[in-house]
């Protein structure tokens, strides 16, 4: 099975459709699949729902898809740093489903494991719990959260071998492994592709069984906020 593609555009060919649900890895601007996001932007696919920790910033990451009104709904934990996101949400142009950070990660992981739902204490007694099933276990109340089963996962890793085994670099690991797991199709962009067998099996963070398509690309490593001490 061919996994390596020449470009993000080629890797996305035949996968995108209007109204789809996409799970995106990354945390802020760390470990985001920026080449794949740019290719989705160029494709003009619209009415998208994104499950992602956040929505990037105004001119980078998922923020560029908000600028062109390609996103209909966000399932997110954090929505700061993005003025256009705020404007669209407050004006009713953008739907938002808040998910606590750990809950969001577990919803993605559960989808990847074929688990339709799980109970958690996180969010009990808050707006997060509204409309959700409540159950008591050992005298404690829990709410039911549903697994995320995405049409597509877009992910950024550091290294991959030719079969799609992935290694993430430090904090860029963040939401990428659970996001990769929950998509019917998983497309990954990496900084380096190495020959099969050259990665230590004990150092692989995500096995290639989850990866369907793979590209190598260049990446801009931005700092989301830089705070320096006065001299």
Protein backbone atom coordinates (compact mmCIF):
# COMPACT_ATOMS: atom_id res chain seq x y z
CA UNK A 1 0.00 0.00 0.00
CA UNK A 2 1.42 3.36 -1.03
CA UNK A 3 1.74 5.70 1.93
CA UNK A 4 4.23 8.35 0.81
CA UNK A 5 2.87 11.21 -1.30
CA UNK A 6 4.74 14.08 -2.94
CA UNK A 7 2.71 16.94 -1.46
CA UNK A 8 -0.10 17.82 0.92
CA UNK A 9 -2.38 18.50 -2.05
CA UNK A 10 -1.71 15.06 -3.49
CA UNK A 11 -2.19 13.36 -0.11
CA UNK A 12 -5.57 15.04 0.35
CA UNK A 13 -6.79 14.17 -3.14
CA UNK A 14 -10.08 12.27 -3.03
CA UNK A 15 -10.40 12.64 0.74
CA UNK A 16 -11.94 16.08 1.26
CA UNK A 17 -15.65 16.84 1.07
CA UNK A 18 -17.88 19.65 2.33
CA UNK A 19 -19.33 19.17 5.80
CA UNK A 20 -16.72 16.67 7.00
CA UNK A 21 -15.34 16.26 10.54
CA UNK A 22 -11.57 16.65 10.81
CA UNK A 23 -9.45 15.90 13.88
CA UNK A 24 -6.32 18.07 13.94
CA UNK A 25 -3.25 17.56 16.11
CA UNK A 26 -1.26 20.33 17.74
CA UNK A 27 -1.35 22.57 20.78
CA UNK A 28 -1.37 26.27 20.08
CA UNK A 29 1.17 26.58 17.27
CA UNK A 30 3.24 23.62 18.51
CA UNK A 31 3.09 20.49 16.38
CA UNK A 32 0.38 21.66 14.01
CA UNK A 33 -0.03 20.12 10.52
CA UNK A 34 0.47 23.46 8.79
CA UNK A 35 1.09 22.11 5.27
CA UNK A 36 -2.11 20.07 5.32
CA UNK A 37 -4.07 23.03 6.70
CA UNK A 38 -2.73 25.23 3.89
CA UNK A 39 -3.76 22.61 1.32
CA UNK A 40 -7.29 22.40 2.78
CA UNK A 41 -7.44 26.19 2.58
CA UNK A 42 -6.43 26.09 -1.09
CA UNK A 43 -8.96 23.33 -1.85
CA UNK A 44 -11.81 25.54 -0.62
CA UNK A 45 -13.56 22.71 1.25
CA UNK A 46 -16.27 24.29 3.41
CA UNK A 47 -18.75 23.70 6.27
CA UNK A 48 -15.99 21.90 8.16
CA UNK A 49 -16.12 20.76 11.77
CA UNK A 50 -12.72 20.64 13.46
CA UNK A 51 -11.91 18.76 16.64
CA UNK A 52 -8.75 20.51 17.81
CA UNK A 53 -7.36 21.82 21.07
CA UNK A 54 -7.57 25.35 19.68
CA UNK A 55 -7.99 27.25 16.41
CA UNK A 56 -4.52 28.67 15.85
CA UNK A 57 -4.03 32.42 15.48
CA UNK A 58 -5.49 34.84 12.96
CA UNK A 59 -2.89 34.29 10.24
CA UNK A 60 -1.54 30.82 10.98
CA UNK A 61 -2.78 27.31 11.66
CA UNK A 62 -6.54 26.72 11.62
CA UNK A 63 -6.98 30.49 11.81
CA UNK A 64 -6.49 30.78 8.05
CA UNK A 65 -9.53 28.53 7.50
CA UNK A 66 -11.61 30.77 9.76
CA UNK A 67 -10.65 33.79 7.67
CA UNK A 68 -12.14 32.20 4.56
CA UNK A 69 -15.25 30.95 6.42
CA UNK A 70 -14.44 27.32 5.69
CA UNK A 71 -15.09 26.24 9.29
CA UNK A 72 -18.65 25.78 10.51
CA UNK A 73 -17.96 24.37 13.98
CA UNK A 74 -15.07 23.95 16.42
CA UNK A 75 -14.80 21.27 19.12
CA UNK A 76 -12.10 22.82 21.29
CA UNK A 77 -10.67 23.39 24.75
CA UNK A 78 -9.14 26.82 24.26
CA UNK A 79 -10.24 29.58 21.92
CA UNK A 80 -8.01 32.52 22.83
CA UNK A 81 -5.37 34.26 20.67
CA UNK A 82 -7.70 34.47 17.67
CA UNK A 83 -9.68 37.66 17.09
CA UNK A 84 -11.50 36.29 14.05
CA UNK A 85 -12.62 33.25 16.02
CA UNK A 86 -14.01 35.54 18.71
CA UNK A 87 -15.75 37.76 16.18
CA UNK A 88 -17.42 34.85 14.35
CA UNK A 89 -18.49 33.13 17.56
CA UNK A 90 -19.97 36.25 19.16
CA UNK A 91 -21.83 37.11 15.94
CA UNK A 92 -23.30 33.61 15.70
CA UNK A 93 -21.42 32.69 12.54
CA UNK A 94 -19.41 29.89 14.17
CA UNK A 95 -20.63 27.00 16.31
CA UNK A 96 -18.52 26.06 19.33
CA UNK A 97 -18.56 22.92 21.45
CA UNK A 98 -16.34 23.30 24.49
CA UNK A 99 -14.54 20.16 25.65
CA UNK A 100 -12.20 20.07 28.66
CA UNK A 101 -8.68 19.34 27.49
CA UNK A 102 -8.34 15.86 28.97
CA UNK A 103 -11.87 15.00 27.87
CA UNK A 104 -11.12 16.07 24.30
CA UNK A 105 -7.97 13.93 24.18
CA UNK A 106 -9.86 10.94 25.58
CA UNK A 107 -12.74 11.43 23.14
CA UNK A 108 -10.24 11.21 20.29
CA UNK A 109 -8.44 8.22 21.79
CA UNK A 110 -11.75 6.45 22.43
CA UNK A 111 -12.78 6.93 18.82
CA UNK A 112 -9.50 5.37 17.74
CA UNK A 113 -10.15 2.38 20.00
CA UNK A 114 -13.73 1.91 18.83
CA UNK A 115 -15.18 3.05 22.17
CA UNK A 116 -18.44 4.96 21.59
CA UNK A 117 -18.50 6.73 24.96
CA UNK A 118 -17.13 6.94 28.49
CA UNK A 119 -18.07 8.48 31.83
CA UNK A 120 -16.01 11.22 33.48
CA UNK A 121 -16.35 13.53 36.48
CA UNK A 122 -14.86 16.45 34.55
CA UNK A 123 -17.53 19.04 33.83
CA UNK A 124 -20.15 17.79 36.28
CA UNK A 125 -22.17 20.74 37.56
CA UNK A 126 -21.09 23.06 34.72
CA UNK A 127 -22.44 24.01 31.30
CA UNK A 128 -20.31 21.17 29.92
CA UNK A 129 -22.72 18.68 31.50
CA UNK A 130 -25.93 20.18 30.10
CA UNK A 131 -27.93 17.67 28.09
CA UNK A 132 -25.57 14.78 28.83
CA UNK A 133 -26.39 11.52 30.57
CA UNK A 134 -25.53 11.51 34.30
CA UNK A 135 -24.79 8.37 36.28
CA UNK A 136 -23.56 7.70 39.80
CA UNK A 137 -20.68 5.32 40.48
CA UNK A 138 -19.67 4.65 44.09
CA UNK A 139 -21.50 7.75 45.26
CA UNK A 140 -19.92 10.08 42.67
CA UNK A 141 -21.69 11.64 39.68
CA UNK A 142 -20.25 11.25 36.19
CA UNK A 143 -21.30 12.47 32.76
CA UNK A 144 -21.25 10.57 29.49
CA UNK A 145 -18.90 11.85 26.79
CA UNK A 146 -18.95 10.44 23.28
CA UNK A 147 -15.92 9.25 21.35
CA UNK A 148 -14.89 11.27 18.30
CA UNK A 149 -15.00 9.36 15.02
CA UNK A 150 -13.56 11.77 12.45
CA UNK A 151 -13.71 11.53 8.67
CA UNK A 152 -10.09 12.67 8.52
CA UNK A 153 -7.15 13.11 10.87
CA UNK A 154 -4.38 15.59 10.05
CA UNK A 155 -1.24 15.23 12.13
CA UNK A 156 2.32 16.55 12.45
CA UNK A 157 5.20 14.30 13.53
CA UNK A 158 8.97 14.61 13.62
CA UNK A 159 10.05 11.40 11.91
CA UNK A 160 8.37 8.53 10.14
CA UNK A 161 9.59 5.40 8.44
CA UNK A 162 8.23 4.34 5.09
CA UNK A 163 5.44 2.29 6.70
CA UNK A 164 4.18 5.26 8.75
CA UNK A 165 5.59 4.46 12.20
CA UNK A 166 5.84 7.85 13.91
CA UNK A 167 8.15 9.61 16.34
CA UNK A 168 7.08 12.95 17.82
CA UNK A 169 9.53 15.49 19.19
CA UNK A 170 9.06 16.58 22.77
CA UNK A 171 5.94 18.71 23.43
CA UNK A 172 4.89 18.50 19.77
CA UNK A 173 3.57 15.08 20.73
CA UNK A 174 0.63 16.80 22.52
CA UNK A 175 -2.73 16.00 20.82
CA UNK A 176 -1.21 14.38 17.73
CA UNK A 177 -1.36 10.67 18.73
CA UNK A 178 -5.04 10.66 19.82
CA UNK A 179 -6.01 12.83 16.83
CA UNK A 180 -4.26 10.39 14.50
CA UNK A 181 -6.11 7.44 15.98
CA UNK A 182 -9.68 8.65 15.51
CA UNK A 183 -9.84 9.37 11.77
CA UNK A 184 -11.17 7.04 9.09
CA UNK A 185 -8.23 8.36 7.06
CA UNK A 186 -5.08 9.67 8.78
CA UNK A 187 -2.67 11.91 6.87
CA UNK A 188 0.62 12.85 8.53
CA UNK A 189 3.24 15.44 7.63
CA UNK A 190 6.76 14.93 8.97
CA UNK A 191 10.12 16.62 8.88
CA UNK A 192 11.99 13.47 7.87
CA UNK A 193 11.15 10.07 6.36
CA UNK A 194 13.68 7.33 7.11
CA UNK A 195 14.00 3.78 5.75
CA UNK A 196 11.85 1.05 7.24
CA UNK A 197 13.66 -0.66 10.09
CA UNK A 198 15.85 2.30 11.01
CA UNK A 199 13.66 3.41 13.94
CA UNK A 200 14.10 1.68 17.28
CA UNK A 201 10.78 -0.11 17.91
CA UNK A 202 10.90 1.01 21.56
CA UNK A 203 11.06 4.67 20.45
CA UNK A 204 8.00 4.64 18.17
CA UNK A 205 5.18 6.73 19.63
CA UNK A 206 2.43 5.74 17.18
CA UNK A 207 2.44 2.59 15.02
CA UNK A 208 2.01 2.86 11.28
CA UNK A 209 -1.26 0.89 11.37
CA UNK A 210 -2.99 4.22 12.09
CA UNK A 211 -1.32 6.10 9.24
CA UNK A 212 -2.74 5.96 5.71
CA UNK A 213 -0.87 8.74 3.91
CA UNK A 214 2.41 10.51 4.58
CA UNK A 215 4.24 13.59 3.30
CA UNK A 216 7.54 15.25 4.08
CA UNK A 217 7.47 19.03 4.33
CA UNK A 218 9.17 22.12 5.64
CA UNK A 219 7.75 23.74 8.75
CA UNK A 220 7.75 27.18 10.31
CA UNK A 221 8.31 26.90 14.05
CA UNK A 222 6.60 29.97 15.44
CA UNK A 223 6.49 31.10 19.04
CA UNK A 224 2.90 31.91 19.91
CA UNK A 225 3.77 34.41 22.62
CA UNK A 226 7.24 35.65 23.51
CA UNK A 227 7.69 37.41 26.83
CA UNK A 228 11.10 38.86 27.69
CA UNK A 229 12.39 40.56 30.79
CA UNK A 230 13.41 44.17 30.55
CA UNK A 231 17.17 44.60 30.56
